[in-house]
């Protein structure tokens, strides 16, 4: 079960690391994919037998499609972070991903089959979504403190991001390919998708290269997430991975200086606790 928590730590840090390294959303996405490709190359060289043993057309189709979906999801999440802030975009994105991926796990892959699993799983998802919503709740009486928010752009980006992340996980499980063997084809798909988004938009700037670090961190979480999925299923592993919301939310406040009122800090604390509780409940399903 512990391996399912590594993606939470790695992915929860992505927004913070990219925020510190700088760059626009397209540069951040492209730099991440370069780092992910480097991680994939090293992983494949370390254990080439695993890749060669499963190196068939289905592996490449699943990997490239998953990578393309991911590039959409991550690019639009970066756009949402720019539009409304990390501490608001990430919790909302997390809640949407939890619902869609859990429903996919249940409906498409029949991961919850008993009444106990369905009851506990549904309750856990409700707690997770309410918790994620609380962390993004605003104090209406507070001033914005000069922080501009574009919710029209942010909402569109979050919808597209959710669709991308859903495809990224579902296609791998649907085609039933080995996650570790798929890392290299997936990284190639990620770079291809990110290159399209960054084309003609100052792609080859220092900010893109700096975000290679972000990609290495993400790659670690990605590999562990798919390994955990093979052991405990998509609904549980993906939900646990999203508990990294606690890191990204508090980190953006403490490290990146995103302003919160006292009331909003209460919302964030309660919401984060609910996310942890929901994640633990999902872990008890297997």
Protein backbone atom coordinates (compact mmCIF):
# COMPACT_ATOMS: atom_id res chain seq x y z
CA UNK A 1 0.00 0.00 0.00
CA UNK A 2 2.88 2.40 0.75
CA UNK A 3 3.81 2.61 -2.93
CA UNK A 4 0.41 4.23 -3.61
CA UNK A 5 1.43 7.17 -1.40
CA UNK A 6 4.55 8.05 -3.44
CA UNK A 7 2.47 9.62 -6.26
CA UNK A 8 0.73 11.79 -3.66
CA UNK A 9 4.05 13.20 -2.50
CA UNK A 10 5.51 13.55 -6.00
CA UNK A 11 2.41 14.95 -7.72
CA UNK A 12 1.52 17.14 -4.77
CA UNK A 13 4.90 18.83 -5.23
CA UNK A 14 4.64 19.39 -9.00
CA UNK A 15 2.74 22.69 -8.83
CA UNK A 16 5.07 24.02 -6.16
CA UNK A 17 8.25 23.06 -8.01
CA UNK A 18 7.03 24.44 -11.33
CA UNK A 19 5.82 27.58 -9.57
CA UNK A 20 9.28 28.15 -8.14
CA UNK A 21 11.04 27.34 -11.42
CA UNK A 22 8.81 29.72 -13.39
CA UNK A 23 7.65 29.78 -16.99
CA UNK A 24 4.25 29.91 -18.65
CA UNK A 25 1.90 26.93 -18.74
CA UNK A 26 3.19 25.70 -22.10
CA UNK A 27 6.85 25.96 -21.05
CA UNK A 28 6.12 24.16 -17.78
CA UNK A 29 4.33 21.34 -19.58
CA UNK A 30 7.06 20.95 -22.20
CA UNK A 31 9.85 20.96 -19.61
CA UNK A 32 7.99 18.37 -17.56
CA UNK A 33 7.70 16.07 -20.56
CA UNK A 34 11.43 16.34 -21.26
CA UNK A 35 12.09 15.32 -17.67
CA UNK A 36 9.58 12.49 -17.92
CA UNK A 37 11.23 11.26 -21.12
CA UNK A 38 14.65 11.32 -19.45
CA UNK A 39 13.20 9.36 -16.52
CA UNK A 40 11.64 6.86 -18.93
CA UNK A 41 14.89 6.36 -20.83
CA UNK A 42 16.80 5.69 -17.62
CA UNK A 43 14.09 3.32 -16.36
CA UNK A 44 14.09 1.39 -19.64
CA UNK A 45 17.88 1.13 -19.71
CA UNK A 46 17.96 -0.12 -16.12
CA UNK A 47 15.41 -2.87 -16.84
CA UNK A 48 15.30 -3.36 -20.61
CA UNK A 49 14.01 -6.92 -20.31
CA UNK A 50 10.64 -5.72 -19.04
CA UNK A 51 10.21 -3.36 -21.99
CA UNK A 52 11.38 -5.87 -24.61
CA UNK A 53 9.17 -8.63 -23.19
CA UNK A 54 6.05 -6.51 -23.76
CA UNK A 55 7.20 -4.50 -26.78
CA UNK A 56 4.20 -4.99 -29.04
CA UNK A 57 1.92 -2.62 -30.94
CA UNK A 58 -0.65 -2.49 -28.13
CA UNK A 59 2.01 -1.21 -25.73
CA UNK A 60 2.92 1.65 -28.08
CA UNK A 61 -0.70 2.54 -28.80
CA UNK A 62 -1.61 2.62 -25.10
CA UNK A 63 1.52 4.52 -24.13
CA UNK A 64 1.34 7.21 -26.79
CA UNK A 65 -2.41 7.74 -26.33
CA UNK A 66 -1.97 7.94 -22.56
CA UNK A 67 0.86 10.45 -23.01
CA UNK A 68 -1.20 12.61 -25.35
CA UNK A 69 -4.12 12.62 -22.91
CA UNK A 70 -1.75 13.49 -20.08
CA UNK A 71 -0.28 16.45 -21.97
CA UNK A 72 -3.79 17.85 -22.34
CA UNK A 73 -4.57 17.28 -18.66
CA UNK A 74 -1.33 18.78 -17.33
CA UNK A 75 -1.21 21.70 -19.74
CA UNK A 76 -4.74 22.75 -18.87
CA UNK A 77 -4.10 22.29 -15.16
CA UNK A 78 -1.15 24.67 -15.42
CA UNK A 79 -3.44 27.13 -17.22
CA UNK A 80 -5.99 26.76 -14.41
CA UNK A 81 -3.27 27.39 -11.81
CA UNK A 82 -2.31 30.59 -13.62
CA UNK A 83 -5.96 31.66 -13.86
CA UNK A 84 -7.17 31.09 -10.28
CA UNK A 85 -4.11 30.07 -8.24
CA UNK A 86 -2.68 26.70 -7.18
CA UNK A 87 -4.53 26.57 -3.85
CA UNK A 88 -7.88 26.82 -5.68
CA UNK A 89 -7.21 25.05 -8.98
CA UNK A 90 -5.62 21.90 -7.55
CA UNK A 91 -8.41 21.03 -5.06
CA UNK A 92 -11.12 21.45 -7.70
CA UNK A 93 -9.10 19.49 -10.23
CA UNK A 94 -8.52 16.79 -7.63
CA UNK A 95 -12.21 16.43 -6.84
CA UNK A 96 -13.14 16.16 -10.50
CA UNK A 97 -10.43 13.58 -11.17
CA UNK A 98 -11.44 11.51 -8.15
CA UNK A 99 -15.05 11.30 -9.27
CA UNK A 100 -14.37 10.55 -12.93
CA UNK A 101 -11.60 8.01 -12.34
CA UNK A 102 -13.48 6.23 -9.58
CA UNK A 103 -16.59 6.00 -11.77
CA UNK A 104 -14.43 4.64 -14.59
CA UNK A 105 -12.93 2.07 -12.24
CA UNK A 106 -16.36 0.94 -11.07
CA UNK A 107 -18.30 1.11 -14.35
CA UNK A 108 -15.66 0.05 -16.88
CA UNK A 109 -13.46 -2.24 -14.81
CA UNK A 110 -15.90 -3.50 -12.13
CA UNK A 111 -13.47 -2.85 -9.29
CA UNK A 112 -16.14 -2.51 -6.61
CA UNK A 113 -18.35 -5.58 -6.69
CA UNK A 114 -19.72 -6.08 -3.17
CA UNK A 115 -22.26 -3.93 -1.35
CA UNK A 116 -19.62 -3.18 1.30
CA UNK A 117 -17.19 -1.85 -1.33
CA UNK A 118 -19.87 0.20 -3.05
CA UNK A 119 -21.10 1.72 0.22
CA UNK A 120 -17.68 2.48 1.68
CA UNK A 121 -16.30 3.63 -1.68
CA UNK A 122 -19.20 6.00 -2.32
CA UNK A 123 -18.93 7.45 1.19
CA UNK A 124 -15.17 7.90 0.76
CA UNK A 125 -15.64 9.71 -2.54
CA UNK A 126 -18.24 12.04 -1.02
CA UNK A 127 -15.84 12.87 1.82
CA UNK A 128 -12.98 13.43 -0.64
CA UNK A 129 -15.00 15.70 -2.91
CA UNK A 130 -16.42 17.73 0.00
CA UNK A 131 -12.92 18.05 1.41
CA UNK A 132 -11.49 19.18 -1.93
CA UNK A 133 -14.32 21.71 -2.28
CA UNK A 134 -13.67 23.09 1.21
CA UNK A 135 -10.02 23.73 0.43
CA UNK A 136 -11.05 25.91 -2.51
CA UNK A 137 -13.82 27.77 -0.65
CA UNK A 138 -13.46 31.55 -0.55
CA UNK A 139 -14.15 33.99 2.23
CA UNK A 140 -16.61 36.29 0.46
CA UNK A 141 -15.96 39.14 2.87
CA UNK A 142 -12.23 39.14 2.13
CA UNK A 143 -10.38 41.30 -0.35
CA UNK A 144 -8.43 39.58 -3.11
CA UNK A 145 -5.23 41.29 -2.03
CA UNK A 146 -4.38 42.18 -5.60
CA UNK A 147 -4.54 38.59 -6.80
CA UNK A 148 -6.45 38.50 -10.09
CA UNK A 149 -8.63 35.48 -10.80
CA UNK A 150 -10.12 34.56 -14.16
CA UNK A 151 -12.73 31.93 -13.36
CA UNK A 152 -14.12 31.77 -16.91
CA UNK A 153 -10.73 30.72 -18.24
CA UNK A 154 -10.02 28.63 -15.15
CA UNK A 155 -13.24 26.63 -15.40
CA UNK A 156 -12.71 25.80 -19.07
CA UNK A 157 -9.15 24.73 -18.32
CA UNK A 158 -10.29 22.53 -15.43
CA UNK A 159 -12.90 20.74 -17.57
CA UNK A 160 -10.34 20.02 -20.29
CA UNK A 161 -7.77 18.99 -17.69
CA UNK A 162 -10.17 16.50 -16.11
CA UNK A 163 -10.95 14.95 -19.51
CA UNK A 164 -7.25 14.63 -20.27
CA UNK A 165 -6.37 13.01 -16.95
CA UNK A 166 -9.29 10.60 -17.29
CA UNK A 167 -8.07 9.40 -20.68
CA UNK A 168 -4.49 9.15 -19.37
CA UNK A 169 -5.40 6.50 -16.78
CA UNK A 170 -8.31 4.73 -18.45
CA UNK A 171 -6.59 3.90 -21.74
CA UNK A 172 -3.81 2.03 -19.91
CA UNK A 173 -6.26 -0.10 -17.95
CA UNK A 174 -8.56 -0.65 -20.92
CA UNK A 175 -5.77 -2.01 -23.13
CA UNK A 176 -4.28 -3.98 -20.19
CA UNK A 177 -0.62 -3.21 -20.78
CA UNK A 178 2.28 -3.48 -18.36
CA UNK A 179 2.71 -0.06 -16.70
CA UNK A 180 6.48 -0.20 -16.28
CA UNK A 181 7.01 -1.40 -19.86
CA UNK A 182 4.79 1.42 -21.12
CA UNK A 183 6.77 4.26 -19.51
CA UNK A 184 8.88 5.04 -22.60
CA UNK A 185 6.06 5.07 -25.21
CA UNK A 186 3.98 7.14 -22.80
CA UNK A 187 6.77 9.70 -22.37
CA UNK A 188 7.09 9.99 -26.16
CA UNK A 189 3.36 10.72 -26.39
CA UNK A 190 3.70 13.31 -23.63
CA UNK A 191 6.51 15.14 -25.43
CA UNK A 192 4.54 15.06 -28.70
CA UNK A 193 1.43 16.53 -27.09
CA UNK A 194 3.33 19.17 -25.10
CA UNK A 195 5.27 20.18 -28.23
CA UNK A 196 2.01 20.94 -30.03
CA UNK A 197 0.85 23.16 -27.15
CA UNK A 198 4.21 24.96 -26.95
CA UNK A 199 4.76 25.38 -30.69
CA UNK A 200 5.59 29.01 -31.45
CA UNK A 201 5.20 30.07 -27.80
CA UNK A 202 8.77 30.61 -26.59
CA UNK A 203 9.21 26.88 -26.09
CA UNK A 204 13.00 26.77 -26.00
CA UNK A 205 13.59 29.18 -23.13
CA UNK A 206 15.48 28.52 -19.91
CA UNK A 207 12.18 28.05 -18.01
CA UNK A 208 11.39 25.01 -20.14
CA UNK A 209 14.75 23.43 -19.40
CA UNK A 210 14.48 24.22 -15.68
CA UNK A 211 11.17 22.35 -15.54
CA UNK A 212 12.93 19.12 -16.49
CA UNK A 213 13.30 18.73 -12.72
CA UNK A 214 9.51 18.81 -12.41
CA UNK A 215 9.27 16.03 -14.97
CA UNK A 216 11.69 13.81 -13.06
CA UNK A 217 9.60 14.21 -9.91
CA UNK A 218 6.41 13.54 -11.85
CA UNK A 219 7.92 10.47 -13.54
CA UNK A 220 8.64 8.90 -10.17
CA UNK A 221 5.03 9.38 -9.10
CA UNK A 222 3.69 8.16 -12.44
CA UNK A 223 5.60 4.87 -12.35
CA UNK A 224 4.53 4.19 -8.76
CA UNK A 225 0.89 5.06 -9.53
CA UNK A 226 0.60 2.50 -12.33
CA UNK A 227 2.37 -0.13 -10.21
CA UNK A 228 -0.10 0.55 -7.41
CA UNK A 229 -3.00 0.32 -9.88
CA UNK A 230 -1.91 -3.19 -10.82
CA UNK A 231 -1.95 -4.16 -7.13
CA UNK A 232 -5.01 -2.40 -5.71
CA UNK A 233 -7.02 -1.16 -8.71
CA UNK A 234 -7.60 2.18 -10.44
CA UNK A 235 -10.28 3.61 -8.15
CA UNK A 236 -8.21 3.14 -4.99
CA UNK A 237 -4.71 3.87 -6.32
CA UNK A 238 -5.71 7.03 -8.18
CA UNK A 239 -7.73 8.32 -5.25
CA UNK A 240 -4.82 7.77 -2.86
CA UNK A 241 -2.46 9.51 -5.27
CA UNK A 242 -4.64 12.60 -5.17
CA UNK A 243 -4.17 13.09 -1.42
CA UNK A 244 -1.14 15.12 -2.52
CA UNK A 245 -3.66 17.96 -2.57
CA UNK A 246 -2.57 18.60 1.04
CA UNK A 247 1.02 19.25 -0.09
CA UNK A 248 0.09 21.44 -3.04
CA UNK A 249 -2.51 23.46 -1.14
CA UNK A 250 -0.49 24.23 1.99
CA UNK A 251 2.72 24.53 -0.01
CA UNK A 252 1.25 27.18 -2.30
CA UNK A 253 0.23 29.19 0.76
CA UNK A 254 3.46 28.81 2.73
CA UNK A 255 6.04 28.72 -0.09
CA UNK A 256 4.44 30.65 -2.95
CA UNK A 257 2.67 33.28 -0.87
CA UNK A 258 -0.92 32.67 -2.00
CA UNK A 259 -3.07 34.70 0.40
CA UNK A 260 -5.63 33.08 2.70
CA UNK A 261 -7.79 34.68 5.38
CA UNK A 262 -8.21 33.08 8.80
CA UNK A 263 -11.58 31.68 7.74
CA UNK A 264 -10.12 30.29 4.52
CA UNK A 265 -7.33 28.63 6.51
CA UNK A 266 -10.02 26.86 8.54
CA UNK A 267 -11.65 25.69 5.31
CA UNK A 268 -8.29 24.48 4.00
CA UNK A 269 -7.42 22.61 7.21
CA UNK A 270 -10.81 20.89 7.48
CA UNK A 271 -10.83 20.07 3.78
CA UNK A 272 -7.35 18.59 3.90
CA UNK A 273 -8.27 16.39 6.87
CA UNK A 274 -11.31 15.13 4.96
CA UNK A 275 -9.13 14.31 1.95
CA UNK A 276 -6.82 12.26 4.18
CA UNK A 277 -9.75 10.46 5.83
CA UNK A 278 -11.31 9.70 2.44
CA UNK A 279 -8.01 8.39 1.14
CA UNK A 280 -7.61 6.08 4.12
CA UNK A 281 -11.16 4.77 3.64
CA UNK A 282 -10.42 3.95 0.01
CA UNK A 283 -7.28 2.16 1.11
CA UNK A 284 -9.42 -0.12 3.29
CA UNK A 285 -11.42 -1.33 0.30
CA UNK A 286 -8.78 -3.91 -0.70
